[in-house]
N, C-alpha and C. Protein backbone atom coordinates (compact mmCIF):
# COMPACT_ATOMS: atom_id res chain seq x y z
N MET A 1 1.05 4.76 -29.12
CA MET A 1 1.88 4.41 -28.12
C MET A 1 1.15 4.05 -26.89
N THR A 2 1.83 3.26 -26.20
CA THR A 2 1.03 2.79 -24.89
C THR A 2 1.24 3.62 -23.73
N PRO A 3 0.28 3.96 -22.98
CA PRO A 3 0.28 4.85 -21.95
C PRO A 3 0.92 4.18 -20.85
N THR A 4 1.57 4.84 -19.95
CA THR A 4 2.05 4.13 -18.60
C THR A 4 1.06 4.39 -17.55
N LEU A 5 0.48 3.28 -16.98
CA LEU A 5 -0.62 3.30 -16.07
C LEU A 5 -0.07 3.09 -14.59
N THR A 6 -0.78 3.80 -13.69
CA THR A 6 -0.36 3.63 -12.28
C THR A 6 -1.64 3.54 -11.45
N LEU A 7 -1.64 2.57 -10.66
CA LEU A 7 -2.70 2.40 -9.75
C LEU A 7 -2.32 2.43 -8.21
N SER A 8 -2.99 3.10 -7.25
CA SER A 8 -2.55 3.13 -5.94
C SER A 8 -3.78 3.18 -5.03
N GLY A 9 -3.69 2.65 -3.78
CA GLY A 9 -4.70 2.74 -2.94
C GLY A 9 -4.28 2.15 -1.49
N PRO A 10 -5.33 2.19 -0.56
CA PRO A 10 -4.87 1.54 0.75
C PRO A 10 -4.70 0.16 0.75
N ALA A 11 -3.82 -0.49 1.45
CA ALA A 11 -3.62 -1.82 1.52
C ALA A 11 -4.77 -2.64 2.10
N SER A 12 -5.67 -2.10 2.64
CA SER A 12 -6.80 -2.78 3.29
C SER A 12 -8.15 -2.03 3.42
N GLY A 13 -9.33 -2.66 3.44
CA GLY A 13 -10.35 -1.74 3.42
C GLY A 13 -11.29 -2.28 4.60
N SER A 14 -12.55 -1.69 4.76
CA SER A 14 -13.52 -2.28 5.73
C SER A 14 -14.73 -2.74 4.94
N PRO A 15 -15.38 -3.98 5.49
CA PRO A 15 -16.54 -4.43 4.84
C PRO A 15 -17.64 -3.35 4.64
N LEU A 16 -18.28 -3.37 3.43
CA LEU A 16 -19.39 -2.61 3.10
C LEU A 16 -19.01 -0.97 3.06
N SER A 17 -17.81 -0.76 3.06
CA SER A 17 -17.28 0.69 3.00
C SER A 17 -16.67 0.80 1.72
N PRO A 18 -16.77 2.03 0.99
CA PRO A 18 -16.05 2.25 -0.37
C PRO A 18 -14.41 2.16 -0.21
N TYR A 19 -14.09 1.50 -1.07
CA TYR A 19 -12.61 1.27 -1.32
C TYR A 19 -12.19 2.25 -2.51
N THR A 20 -11.39 3.31 -2.11
CA THR A 20 -10.97 4.34 -3.26
C THR A 20 -9.59 3.99 -3.92
N LEU A 21 -9.66 3.76 -5.27
CA LEU A 21 -8.45 3.48 -5.99
C LEU A 21 -8.07 4.69 -6.85
N SER A 22 -6.86 5.13 -6.60
CA SER A 22 -6.20 6.23 -7.52
C SER A 22 -5.69 5.69 -8.72
N LEU A 23 -5.97 6.57 -9.74
CA LEU A 23 -5.58 6.30 -11.16
C LEU A 23 -4.76 7.31 -11.64
N SER A 24 -3.75 6.86 -12.43
CA SER A 24 -2.85 7.92 -13.14
C SER A 24 -2.47 7.12 -14.42
N ALA A 25 -2.36 8.14 -15.56
CA ALA A 25 -1.89 7.74 -16.85
C ALA A 25 -1.06 8.70 -17.50
N ALA A 26 0.03 8.31 -18.06
CA ALA A 26 0.93 9.36 -18.89
C ALA A 26 0.67 8.72 -20.27
N VAL A 27 0.26 9.52 -21.14
CA VAL A 27 -0.09 9.16 -22.57
C VAL A 27 0.97 9.82 -23.32
N PRO A 28 1.81 9.08 -24.05
CA PRO A 28 2.88 9.75 -24.92
C PRO A 28 2.30 10.56 -26.14
N GLY A 29 3.11 11.54 -26.48
CA GLY A 29 2.77 12.23 -27.67
C GLY A 29 1.33 13.07 -27.48
N GLY A 30 1.11 13.44 -26.36
CA GLY A 30 -0.06 14.24 -26.12
C GLY A 30 -1.39 13.54 -26.35
N GLY A 31 -1.40 12.23 -26.44
CA GLY A 31 -2.74 11.41 -26.50
C GLY A 31 -3.63 11.64 -25.47
N VAL A 32 -5.05 11.37 -25.82
CA VAL A 32 -6.05 11.58 -24.90
C VAL A 32 -6.64 10.19 -24.42
N LEU A 33 -6.61 10.04 -22.96
CA LEU A 33 -7.26 8.75 -22.43
C LEU A 33 -8.63 8.99 -22.52
N SER A 34 -9.40 7.90 -23.12
CA SER A 34 -10.87 7.92 -23.24
C SER A 34 -11.72 7.21 -22.14
N SER A 35 -10.95 6.05 -21.52
CA SER A 35 -11.64 5.37 -20.56
C SER A 35 -10.70 4.41 -19.82
N TRP A 36 -11.19 3.99 -18.69
CA TRP A 36 -10.41 3.07 -17.70
C TRP A 36 -11.40 1.81 -17.74
N THR A 37 -10.90 0.57 -17.62
CA THR A 37 -11.61 -0.66 -17.28
C THR A 37 -11.00 -1.14 -16.03
N ILE A 38 -11.74 -1.25 -14.99
CA ILE A 38 -11.29 -1.69 -13.73
C ILE A 38 -11.87 -3.11 -13.46
N ASN A 39 -11.03 -4.02 -13.15
CA ASN A 39 -11.46 -5.43 -12.67
C ASN A 39 -11.14 -5.41 -11.13
N TRP A 40 -12.13 -5.34 -10.45
CA TRP A 40 -11.90 -5.25 -8.92
C TRP A 40 -11.55 -6.49 -8.42
N GLY A 41 -11.58 -7.68 -8.98
CA GLY A 41 -11.13 -8.92 -8.36
C GLY A 41 -12.19 -9.76 -7.78
N ASP A 42 -13.31 -9.26 -7.66
CA ASP A 42 -14.47 -9.96 -6.98
C ASP A 42 -15.63 -10.52 -8.01
N GLY A 43 -15.29 -10.31 -9.25
CA GLY A 43 -16.25 -10.60 -10.44
C GLY A 43 -16.89 -9.26 -10.91
N THR A 44 -16.48 -8.13 -10.37
CA THR A 44 -16.86 -6.94 -10.98
C THR A 44 -15.93 -6.23 -11.82
N VAL A 45 -16.52 -5.83 -13.06
CA VAL A 45 -15.53 -4.96 -14.00
C VAL A 45 -16.41 -3.78 -14.17
N GLN A 46 -15.52 -2.69 -13.99
CA GLN A 46 -16.36 -1.30 -14.12
C GLN A 46 -15.64 -0.37 -15.13
N ILE A 47 -16.37 0.19 -16.15
CA ILE A 47 -15.75 0.97 -17.05
C ILE A 47 -16.22 2.29 -16.57
N VAL A 48 -15.05 3.19 -16.71
CA VAL A 48 -15.18 4.48 -16.26
C VAL A 48 -14.76 5.44 -17.44
N SER A 49 -15.53 6.38 -17.84
CA SER A 49 -15.33 7.24 -19.07
C SER A 49 -14.27 8.28 -18.82
N GLY A 50 -13.45 8.53 -19.73
CA GLY A 50 -12.67 9.82 -19.51
C GLY A 50 -11.27 9.39 -18.75
N ASN A 51 -10.69 10.45 -18.20
CA ASN A 51 -9.43 10.29 -17.46
C ASN A 51 -9.60 10.43 -16.01
N ALA A 52 -10.49 9.67 -15.35
CA ALA A 52 -10.80 9.80 -13.90
C ALA A 52 -9.46 9.68 -13.23
N SER A 53 -9.26 10.25 -12.06
CA SER A 53 -8.14 10.30 -11.13
C SER A 53 -8.53 9.30 -10.02
N THR A 54 -9.71 9.01 -9.66
CA THR A 54 -10.13 8.03 -8.65
C THR A 54 -11.36 7.37 -9.05
N VAL A 55 -11.59 6.13 -8.43
CA VAL A 55 -12.74 5.38 -8.59
C VAL A 55 -12.94 4.55 -7.39
N ALA A 56 -14.31 4.37 -6.95
CA ALA A 56 -14.53 3.69 -5.69
C ALA A 56 -15.30 2.38 -6.02
N HIS A 57 -15.22 1.50 -5.00
CA HIS A 57 -15.97 0.21 -5.15
C HIS A 57 -16.17 -0.32 -3.83
N THR A 58 -17.37 -0.81 -3.43
CA THR A 58 -17.73 -1.48 -2.10
C THR A 58 -17.52 -2.85 -2.15
N TYR A 59 -16.61 -3.64 -1.46
CA TYR A 59 -16.64 -5.04 -1.39
C TYR A 59 -17.59 -5.54 -0.23
N ALA A 60 -18.22 -6.61 -0.52
CA ALA A 60 -19.21 -7.29 0.47
C ALA A 60 -18.43 -8.09 1.62
N LEU A 61 -17.23 -8.66 1.01
CA LEU A 61 -16.44 -9.54 1.97
C LEU A 61 -14.96 -8.88 2.16
N VAL A 62 -14.66 -8.60 3.17
CA VAL A 62 -13.45 -8.13 3.70
C VAL A 62 -12.99 -8.89 5.04
N PRO A 63 -12.04 -9.61 5.19
CA PRO A 63 -10.56 -9.29 4.89
C PRO A 63 -10.12 -10.15 3.84
N TYR A 64 -10.97 -10.52 2.87
CA TYR A 64 -10.34 -11.28 1.73
C TYR A 64 -9.37 -10.52 0.93
N THR A 65 -8.49 -11.24 0.23
CA THR A 65 -7.43 -10.41 -0.73
C THR A 65 -8.07 -10.48 -2.02
N TYR A 66 -8.12 -9.36 -2.69
CA TYR A 66 -8.63 -9.02 -4.01
C TYR A 66 -7.49 -8.48 -4.76
N THR A 67 -7.26 -9.06 -6.03
CA THR A 67 -6.24 -8.42 -6.90
C THR A 67 -7.02 -7.51 -7.88
N ILE A 68 -6.79 -6.21 -7.89
CA ILE A 68 -7.38 -5.19 -8.89
C ILE A 68 -6.37 -4.91 -9.90
N SER A 69 -7.10 -4.87 -11.12
CA SER A 69 -6.17 -4.63 -12.25
C SER A 69 -6.99 -3.62 -13.08
N ALA A 70 -6.23 -2.94 -14.01
CA ALA A 70 -6.85 -1.90 -14.68
C ALA A 70 -6.26 -1.87 -16.14
N ALA A 71 -7.08 -1.54 -17.17
CA ALA A 71 -6.63 -1.21 -18.52
C ALA A 71 -7.24 0.14 -18.81
N ALA A 72 -6.35 0.84 -19.83
CA ALA A 72 -6.81 2.19 -20.16
C ALA A 72 -7.12 2.12 -21.84
N SER A 73 -8.01 3.06 -22.37
CA SER A 73 -8.11 3.14 -23.59
C SER A 73 -7.91 4.62 -24.15
N THR A 74 -7.21 4.72 -25.18
CA THR A 74 -7.09 6.11 -25.66
C THR A 74 -8.02 6.30 -26.79
N VAL A 75 -8.13 7.48 -27.36
CA VAL A 75 -8.94 7.63 -28.51
C VAL A 75 -8.49 6.83 -29.70
N ASP A 76 -7.35 6.24 -29.70
CA ASP A 76 -6.83 5.45 -30.78
C ASP A 76 -7.02 4.01 -30.55
N GLY A 77 -7.62 3.75 -29.34
CA GLY A 77 -8.05 2.25 -28.97
C GLY A 77 -7.39 1.87 -27.85
N PRO A 78 -7.47 0.41 -27.36
CA PRO A 78 -7.22 -0.10 -26.11
C PRO A 78 -5.69 -0.02 -26.00
N SER A 79 -5.18 0.19 -24.67
CA SER A 79 -3.84 0.15 -24.29
C SER A 79 -3.37 -0.97 -23.39
N GLY A 80 -2.11 -1.00 -22.93
CA GLY A 80 -1.65 -2.23 -22.26
C GLY A 80 -2.38 -2.36 -20.83
N LEU A 81 -2.26 -3.41 -20.15
CA LEU A 81 -2.78 -3.78 -18.84
C LEU A 81 -1.77 -3.49 -17.89
N GLU A 82 -2.17 -2.73 -16.83
CA GLU A 82 -1.45 -2.40 -15.72
C GLU A 82 -1.21 -3.65 -14.79
N THR A 83 0.03 -3.62 -14.23
CA THR A 83 0.34 -4.65 -13.14
C THR A 83 -0.80 -4.56 -12.12
N PRO A 84 -1.22 -5.84 -11.73
CA PRO A 84 -2.35 -5.83 -10.65
C PRO A 84 -1.91 -5.13 -9.51
N TRP A 85 -2.80 -4.57 -8.67
CA TRP A 85 -2.66 -3.88 -7.41
C TRP A 85 -3.41 -4.69 -6.31
N ARG A 86 -2.83 -5.15 -5.28
CA ARG A 86 -3.31 -6.00 -4.23
C ARG A 86 -3.65 -5.16 -3.00
């Protein structure tokens, strides 16, 4: 079954300062989340092992608009892509 993924974070950030994204997943049937794949929208893709609740990234250029998206994998394999966060 596909987990329900939620991303949240500040609407804006400061140049060369870490931007922290909050991650949440509800896995049906007591499944276990094994990793997140975060696309930061600036050409950087980050894989985070386990069920992390936050992840940070530093953007070189702000105030550009970046679309952040994430996917999660369970121990059974990849799951659905989350609606992008801007």
